[in-house]
Amino acid sequence: MIYLDNAATTFPKPPSVSNAVKDFMENCGGNPGRGGHELSRMAGDRVYACREALAELFNIGNPERIAFTKNATEALNTAINGIVGEGDEILISAMEHNSVLRPAVAKEQDGAVLKIIPADRDGRITPEAVEKMLTRRTKLVCIIHASNVTGTVNDISAINDVAHSLGALTLFDAAQTAGLLPIDAADFDMLAFAGHKGLYGPFGTGGLYVREGLSLRPLTYGGTGSVSESALMPDIFPDRLEAGTVNAAGIAGLLEGVKFVREQAPGERERDMAKKLAEKIGGISSVEIMGDNGVNVLGLRLRGVDCVDAAGRLDSEFGIASRGGLHCAPLAHRSMGTIGGGMLRLSTGAFTTEEDIDAAAKAIEAIVKG
């Protein structure tokens, strides 16, 4: 199998990641923050070490402002539901994943005002486009860092400045960029990330950074191991957003994934392989590469070939894992003009080789030639 579906989840994981999960389950296994005994302390130390590693990676001053979630979707839902109320205005982009669109629409049904910022022809959301849509009523601006459909990267630092100029809060979706691009979240209000993609962690890991001084309504209520005498969720972070036991074994694996990323320039190999793949595929007639492919993602339109059928043939005939369809992002496909048939997506990883790239290009050429 040649694995080119790393935008869905990276595979394989570094051996250190699976080893860390196994070691936690066999030699630690305590519930972090739920006891004073050695195993609980060991578990708590590993969870906190992961917060520290993530804080350093994202230039976040206080690791305790990072709350762990089971994925980026939960992090985004936590942020949107925790900030937006009836009558508030929320701006999202026309390239957002359903993990933003659906909670935003749910908020609109509850009385919020939802506005969608248009994308340019490459699927980019410019600061100027954001500025045109902003009003004094805008409570939250939520923008994807890089599209999971085209790989187009947005200048979220500039967008952050524009949003703050009119007093709006910001939330950035780094599901496709955490670990693949340098991210400086120091001036952001909130940043959501997945653990199992560019950070090379296990499934069931992700998180939400919330800046100092900003509090959210919790998405989930329950035990935190702190302030147990109160019937209310504690105000302290990360406890306020971490009801119930966190996925400590997965977080132990995520810590090793972050270490793996930090040992190399974030995403350098992945982006280099994606660039080489684009160069090889770009010369094939009847194949159009959509967007600017700023990370490890290539979205392809194959003229005369159904993209889902193409993904099936890549798997069954060539042993290549890819993804065809709408990628849980109908807004993005409407913006790119591919809502009718979707795209074929290829996405590289840290273990993608040049031989993989050559094989994929030859397979695509064979498919479009029939």
Protein backbone atom coordinates (compact mmCIF):
# COMPACT_ATOMS: atom_id res chain seq x y z
CA MET A 1 0.00 0.00 0.00
CA ILE A 2 1.20 3.49 -0.94
CA TYR A 3 -0.48 5.73 1.60
CA LEU A 4 -1.45 9.17 0.24
CA ASP A 5 -4.35 9.97 2.54
CA ASN A 6 -2.40 11.77 5.26
CA ALA A 7 -4.85 14.68 5.34
CA ALA A 8 -7.39 12.24 6.81
CA THR A 9 -4.86 10.87 9.30
CA THR A 10 -1.13 10.37 9.08
CA PHE A 11 0.08 6.82 8.58
CA PRO A 12 2.28 5.19 9.58
CA LYS A 13 2.97 6.82 12.92
CA PRO A 14 6.53 7.04 14.22
CA PRO A 15 7.34 3.91 16.26
CA SER A 16 7.90 6.10 19.33
CA VAL A 17 4.20 7.03 19.29
CA SER A 18 2.81 3.50 19.49
CA ASN A 19 5.54 2.55 21.95
CA ALA A 20 4.50 5.41 24.23
CA VAL A 21 0.86 4.34 24.19
CA LYS A 22 1.83 0.75 24.97
CA ASP A 23 4.19 1.84 27.74
CA PHE A 24 1.49 4.00 29.33
CA MET A 25 -1.04 1.18 29.28
CA GLU A 26 1.39 -1.35 30.71
CA ASN A 27 3.45 0.69 33.15
CA CYS A 28 1.43 3.75 34.12
CA GLY A 29 -2.32 3.59 33.57
CA GLY A 30 -3.34 5.87 36.42
CA ASN A 31 -6.05 8.51 36.09
CA PRO A 32 -4.37 11.95 35.83
CA GLY A 33 -5.56 14.39 38.49
CA ARG A 34 -7.74 11.79 40.18
CA GLY A 35 -5.51 10.68 43.02
CA GLY A 36 -2.30 11.33 44.89
CA HIS A 37 -0.75 7.93 44.28
CA GLU A 38 2.26 7.31 42.08
CA LEU A 39 0.44 6.03 39.00
CA SER A 40 -1.91 9.02 38.97
CA ARG A 41 1.04 11.38 39.34
CA MET A 42 2.91 9.61 36.53
CA ALA A 43 -0.10 9.97 34.24
CA GLY A 44 -0.52 13.62 35.17
CA ASP A 45 3.15 14.29 34.46
CA ARG A 46 2.87 12.87 30.93
CA VAL A 47 -0.28 14.84 30.18
CA TYR A 48 1.33 18.04 31.40
CA ALA A 49 4.52 17.33 29.45
CA CYS A 50 2.40 17.14 26.30
CA ARG A 51 0.77 20.50 27.12
CA GLU A 52 4.24 21.98 27.53
CA ALA A 53 5.47 20.55 24.22
CA LEU A 54 2.41 21.88 22.39
CA ALA A 55 2.74 25.28 24.05
CA GLU A 56 6.32 25.53 22.88
CA LEU A 57 5.40 24.41 19.36
CA PHE A 58 2.65 27.05 19.07
CA ASN A 59 4.45 29.80 21.08
CA ILE A 60 1.85 29.74 23.85
CA GLY A 61 3.03 31.17 27.15
CA ASN A 62 0.91 29.13 29.55
CA PRO A 63 0.51 25.39 28.82
CA GLU A 64 -2.55 25.26 31.06
CA ARG A 65 -4.48 27.27 28.47
CA ILE A 66 -4.47 24.17 26.23
CA ALA A 67 -7.46 21.89 26.85
CA PHE A 68 -7.35 18.40 25.40
CA THR A 69 -10.24 17.16 23.27
CA LYS A 70 -10.81 13.97 21.33
CA ASN A 71 -10.28 15.72 17.97
CA ALA A 72 -10.32 19.10 16.23
CA THR A 73 -14.09 18.82 15.70
CA GLU A 74 -14.73 18.71 19.43
CA ALA A 75 -12.31 21.60 19.93
CA LEU A 76 -14.12 23.73 17.33
CA ASN A 77 -17.53 22.88 18.78
CA THR A 78 -16.26 23.76 22.24
CA ALA A 79 -15.07 27.16 21.04
CA ILE A 80 -18.11 28.06 18.94
CA ASN A 81 -20.66 26.92 21.51
CA GLY A 82 -18.65 28.47 24.30
CA ILE A 83 -18.54 31.96 22.76
CA VAL A 84 -21.50 32.53 20.43
CA GLY A 85 -24.93 33.27 21.84
CA GLU A 86 -28.31 34.49 20.62
CA GLY A 87 -27.98 37.72 18.65
CA ASP A 88 -24.21 37.38 18.22
CA GLU A 89 -22.70 37.60 14.76
CA ILE A 90 -20.33 34.84 13.64
CA LEU A 91 -18.20 35.01 10.49
CA ILE A 92 -16.90 31.82 8.90
CA SER A 93 -15.24 31.32 5.53
CA ALA A 94 -16.53 29.67 2.38
CA MET A 95 -13.76 27.04 2.73
CA GLU A 96 -14.73 25.69 6.14
CA HIS A 97 -15.04 22.03 7.07
CA ASN A 98 -18.38 20.76 8.39
CA SER A 99 -16.86 20.82 11.88
CA VAL A 100 -17.26 24.61 11.67
CA LEU A 101 -20.22 24.92 9.30
CA ARG A 102 -22.57 22.64 11.23
CA PRO A 103 -22.10 24.14 14.72
CA ALA A 104 -22.28 27.63 13.16
CA VAL A 105 -25.57 26.79 11.42
CA ALA A 106 -26.88 25.31 14.67
CA LYS A 107 -26.05 28.61 16.36
CA GLU A 108 -27.86 30.47 13.57
CA GLN A 109 -30.95 28.36 14.23
CA ASP A 110 -30.71 29.41 17.88
CA GLY A 111 -30.73 33.09 16.97
CA ALA A 112 -27.14 33.99 16.06
CA VAL A 113 -26.31 35.81 12.80
CA LEU A 114 -24.14 33.76 10.44
CA LYS A 115 -22.16 35.37 7.61
CA ILE A 116 -19.93 33.51 5.16
CA ILE A 117 -16.77 35.18 3.82
CA PRO A 118 -16.16 34.42 0.12
CA ALA A 119 -12.92 32.84 -1.10
CA ASP A 120 -10.83 33.85 -4.10
CA ARG A 121 -10.30 31.57 -7.09
CA ASP A 122 -7.60 29.57 -5.25
CA GLY A 123 -9.82 29.07 -2.24
CA ARG A 124 -7.96 31.69 -0.20
CA ILE A 125 -9.61 33.92 2.41
CA THR A 126 -7.91 37.32 2.26
CA PRO A 127 -7.75 39.80 5.15
CA GLU A 128 -9.51 42.30 2.86
CA ALA A 129 -12.43 39.91 2.36
CA VAL A 130 -12.71 39.47 6.12
CA GLU A 131 -12.60 43.21 6.68
CA LYS A 132 -15.48 43.80 4.25
CA MET A 133 -17.72 41.43 6.21
CA LEU A 134 -16.81 42.60 9.72
CA THR A 135 -19.16 44.76 11.74
CA ARG A 136 -19.19 46.04 15.30
CA ARG A 137 -21.67 43.24 16.03
CA THR A 138 -19.23 40.50 15.03
CA LYS A 139 -18.50 38.33 18.05
CA LEU A 140 -16.36 35.62 16.43
CA VAL A 141 -14.34 35.17 13.25
CA CYS A 142 -13.58 31.51 12.54
CA ILE A 143 -11.18 30.72 9.69
CA ILE A 144 -9.48 27.55 8.51
CA HIS A 145 -5.68 27.83 8.40
CA ALA A 146 -5.31 25.58 5.36
CA SER A 147 -8.06 23.96 3.33
CA ASN A 148 -8.45 20.20 3.71
CA VAL A 149 -9.65 20.17 0.08
CA THR A 150 -7.01 22.20 -1.78
CA GLY A 151 -4.25 22.84 0.77
CA THR A 152 -4.57 26.61 0.23
CA VAL A 153 -3.07 28.45 3.22
CA ASN A 154 -4.61 31.56 4.74
CA ASP A 155 -2.67 34.38 6.40
CA ILE A 156 -4.28 33.91 9.79
CA SER A 157 -1.95 36.37 11.53
CA ALA A 158 -3.17 39.17 9.24
CA ILE A 159 -6.78 38.01 9.61
CA ASN A 160 -6.32 38.00 13.38
CA ASP A 161 -5.21 41.64 13.29
CA VAL A 162 -8.16 42.67 11.12
CA ALA A 163 -10.68 40.94 13.37
CA HIS A 164 -9.19 42.46 16.50
CA SER A 165 -9.34 45.93 14.96
CA LEU A 166 -13.14 45.83 15.33
CA GLY A 167 -13.15 43.94 18.61
CA ALA A 168 -14.05 40.48 17.28
CA LEU A 169 -12.66 37.30 18.77
CA THR A 170 -10.75 34.85 16.59
CA LEU A 171 -10.78 31.07 16.24
CA PHE A 172 -8.46 29.33 13.80
CA ASP A 173 -8.79 25.74 12.63
CA ALA A 174 -5.31 24.22 12.43
CA ALA A 175 -6.45 20.66 11.79
CA GLN A 176 -4.48 20.54 8.53
CA THR A 177 -1.50 22.66 9.59
CA ALA A 178 -0.52 21.81 13.16
CA GLY A 179 2.86 20.12 12.82
CA LEU A 180 3.08 20.95 9.11
CA LEU A 181 3.48 24.74 9.22
CA PRO A 182 4.99 27.03 11.87
CA ILE A 183 2.17 28.49 13.98
CA ASP A 184 2.55 31.43 16.33
CA ALA A 185 -0.66 31.50 18.36
CA ALA A 186 0.52 34.03 20.95
CA ASP A 187 -1.89 36.75 19.75
CA PHE A 188 -4.79 34.48 18.76
CA ASP A 189 -7.89 34.15 20.92
CA MET A 190 -8.38 30.46 20.16
CA LEU A 191 -6.67 27.74 18.12
CA ALA A 192 -8.11 24.28 17.46
CA PHE A 193 -5.88 21.40 16.37
CA ALA A 194 -5.99 17.68 15.66
CA GLY A 195 -3.49 15.33 17.23
CA HIS A 196 -3.69 12.49 14.72
CA LYS A 197 -2.76 14.39 11.55
CA GLY A 198 0.39 16.51 11.19
CA LEU A 199 1.30 15.99 14.84
CA TYR A 200 1.50 12.21 14.24
CA GLY A 201 -0.39 11.33 17.40
CA PRO A 202 -3.02 8.62 17.91
CA PHE A 203 -6.72 8.88 17.14
CA GLY A 204 -8.77 10.46 19.90
CA THR A 205 -6.38 13.35 20.49
CA GLY A 206 -6.74 17.05 19.76
CA GLY A 207 -7.01 20.29 21.62
CA LEU A 208 -8.14 23.87 21.99
CA TYR A 209 -5.95 26.78 23.02
CA VAL A 210 -7.80 29.64 24.73
CA ARG A 211 -5.89 32.82 25.51
CA GLU A 212 -5.47 34.21 29.01
CA GLY A 213 -8.47 36.23 30.22
CA LEU A 214 -10.98 34.57 27.89
CA SER A 215 -13.48 32.14 29.40
CA LEU A 216 -15.87 29.82 27.58
CA ARG A 217 -19.08 28.06 28.47
CA PRO A 218 -18.08 24.39 28.72
CA LEU A 219 -19.36 22.01 26.08
CA THR A 220 -19.43 19.15 28.61
CA TYR A 221 -20.00 19.20 32.36
CA GLY A 222 -18.73 16.72 34.92
CA GLY A 223 -15.82 15.72 37.07
CA THR A 224 -12.49 17.51 36.81
CA GLY A 225 -10.58 16.30 39.84
CA SER A 226 -10.61 19.87 41.15
CA VAL A 227 -13.13 22.02 43.11
CA SER A 228 -15.18 18.86 43.61
CA GLU A 229 -17.31 20.50 46.31
CA SER A 230 -18.92 22.87 43.76
CA ALA A 231 -21.92 22.07 41.58
CA LEU A 232 -20.47 24.40 38.94
CA MET A 233 -17.63 23.79 36.55
CA PRO A 234 -14.41 25.40 37.82
CA ASP A 235 -13.19 28.61 36.21
CA ILE A 236 -9.57 27.45 36.15
CA PHE A 237 -8.03 26.13 32.94
CA PRO A 238 -7.79 23.56 31.55
CA ASP A 239 -10.25 21.99 34.02
CA ARG A 240 -13.11 24.18 32.82
CA LEU A 241 -13.07 22.47 29.43
CA GLU A 242 -11.89 18.98 30.44
CA ALA A 243 -14.85 17.26 32.08
CA GLY A 244 -14.20 13.58 32.59
CA THR A 245 -11.03 11.58 32.13
CA VAL A 246 -8.81 12.66 29.27
CA ASN A 247 -7.33 10.16 26.81
CA ALA A 248 -4.10 9.96 28.78
CA ALA A 249 -2.65 7.02 26.85
CA GLY A 250 -3.34 8.80 23.56
CA ILE A 251 -1.85 12.02 24.93
CA ALA A 252 1.29 10.11 25.92
CA GLY A 253 1.51 9.05 22.27
CA LEU A 254 0.80 12.58 21.10
CA LEU A 255 3.73 13.84 23.18
CA GLU A 256 6.03 11.59 21.16
CA GLY A 257 4.39 12.79 17.94
CA VAL A 258 5.12 16.40 18.87
CA LYS A 259 8.71 15.47 19.68
CA PHE A 260 8.97 13.79 16.26
CA VAL A 261 7.70 16.96 14.55
CA ARG A 262 10.04 19.21 16.51
CA GLU A 263 13.07 17.14 15.53
CA GLN A 264 12.61 18.25 11.92
CA ALA A 265 11.41 21.49 10.34
CA PRO A 266 7.62 21.28 10.72
CA GLY A 267 6.17 19.74 7.58
CA GLU A 268 9.25 20.28 5.41
CA ARG A 269 9.37 16.76 4.01
CA GLU A 270 5.60 16.53 3.61
CA ARG A 271 5.47 19.82 1.67
CA ASP A 272 8.49 18.88 -0.44
CA MET A 273 6.90 15.58 -1.45
CA ALA A 274 3.61 17.33 -2.25
CA LYS A 275 5.44 19.83 -4.45
CA LYS A 276 7.16 17.02 -6.35
CA LEU A 277 3.86 15.21 -6.77
CA ALA A 278 2.24 18.39 -8.14
CA GLU A 279 5.10 18.82 -10.61
CA LYS A 280 4.69 15.27 -11.93
CA ILE A 281 0.91 15.36 -12.10
CA GLY A 282 0.80 18.90 -13.47
CA GLY A 283 2.04 17.72 -16.84
CA ILE A 284 -0.76 15.19 -17.30
CA SER A 285 -3.49 16.32 -19.66
CA SER A 286 -7.07 16.20 -18.32
CA VAL A 287 -5.82 16.73 -14.76
CA GLU A 288 -6.37 20.08 -13.02
CA ILE A 289 -4.72 20.85 -9.69
CA MET A 290 -7.04 23.04 -7.62
CA GLY A 291 -5.82 25.74 -5.23
CA ASP A 292 -2.23 26.57 -4.34
CA ASN A 293 -1.35 23.43 -2.33
CA GLY A 294 0.52 25.20 0.45
CA VAL A 295 0.72 22.20 2.75
CA ASN A 296 0.70 18.47 1.98
CA VAL A 297 -2.65 18.40 0.15
CA LEU A 298 -3.35 18.19 -3.59
CA GLY A 299 -6.95 18.50 -4.76
CA LEU A 300 -7.37 17.17 -8.30
CA ARG A 301 -10.16 17.44 -10.83
CA LEU A 302 -9.95 14.69 -13.44
CA ARG A 303 -11.85 15.71 -16.55
CA GLY A 304 -14.11 12.91 -17.71
CA VAL A 305 -13.37 10.68 -14.69
CA ASP A 306 -15.46 10.44 -11.54
CA CYS A 307 -13.21 11.21 -8.58
CA VAL A 308 -14.71 8.55 -6.31
CA ASP A 309 -14.27 5.95 -9.06
CA ALA A 310 -10.68 7.15 -9.50
CA ALA A 311 -10.00 6.71 -5.77
CA GLY A 312 -11.46 3.22 -5.95
CA ARG A 313 -9.25 2.31 -8.89
CA LEU A 314 -6.16 3.73 -7.21
CA ASP A 315 -6.87 1.42 -4.29
CA SER A 316 -7.90 -1.75 -6.10
CA GLU A 317 -5.60 -1.61 -9.14
CA PHE A 318 -2.54 0.29 -7.91
CA GLY A 319 -2.51 -0.16 -4.13
CA ILE A 320 -2.65 3.60 -3.50
CA ALA A 321 -4.75 5.08 -0.68
CA SER A 322 -6.36 8.42 -1.54
CA ARG A 323 -9.73 10.08 -1.04
CA GLY A 324 -12.40 11.09 -3.52
CA GLY A 325 -15.57 13.06 -2.87
CA LEU A 326 -16.55 16.18 -0.92
CA HIS A 327 -14.18 15.65 2.05
CA CYS A 328 -16.80 16.86 4.59
CA ALA A 329 -16.39 20.37 3.13
CA PRO A 330 -19.32 21.23 0.82
CA LEU A 331 -18.72 24.97 1.25
CA ALA A 332 -15.21 24.57 -0.13
CA HIS A 333 -16.40 22.56 -3.11
CA ARG A 334 -19.05 25.16 -3.91
CA SER A 335 -16.35 27.82 -3.80
CA MET A 336 -14.09 25.81 -6.12
CA GLY A 337 -16.88 24.81 -8.50
CA THR A 338 -16.57 21.10 -7.72
CA ILE A 339 -19.70 20.53 -5.65
CA GLY A 340 -21.18 18.28 -8.36
CA GLY A 341 -18.44 15.69 -8.50
CA GLY A 342 -15.97 16.58 -5.78
CA MET A 343 -12.22 16.12 -6.12
CA LEU A 344 -9.61 13.43 -5.84
CA ARG A 345 -7.32 14.27 -2.92
CA LEU A 346 -3.76 13.06 -2.51
CA SER A 347 -1.88 14.02 0.64
CA THR A 348 1.71 13.24 1.51
CA GLY A 349 3.30 12.39 4.86
CA ALA A 350 6.64 12.21 6.59
CA PHE A 351 7.20 8.70 5.26
CA THR A 352 6.20 9.35 1.64
CA THR A 353 9.03 8.47 -0.77
CA GLU A 354 9.92 9.65 -4.25
CA GLU A 355 9.08 6.15 -5.46
CA ASP A 356 5.58 6.62 -4.04
CA ILE A 357 5.29 9.91 -5.92
CA ASP A 358 6.38 8.34 -9.21
CA ALA A 359 3.94 5.45 -8.79
CA ALA A 360 1.03 7.80 -8.00
CA ALA A 361 1.71 10.02 -11.01
CA LYS A 362 1.85 6.99 -13.33
CA ALA A 363 -1.37 5.62 -11.86
CA ILE A 364 -3.22 8.93 -12.31
CA GLU A 365 -2.02 9.11 -15.91
CA ALA A 366 -3.23 5.57 -16.58
CA ILE A 367 -6.65 6.32 -15.07
CA VAL A 368 -7.30 9.51 -17.05
CA LYS A 369 -6.20 7.83 -20.28
CA GLY A 370 -8.72 5.06 -19.66
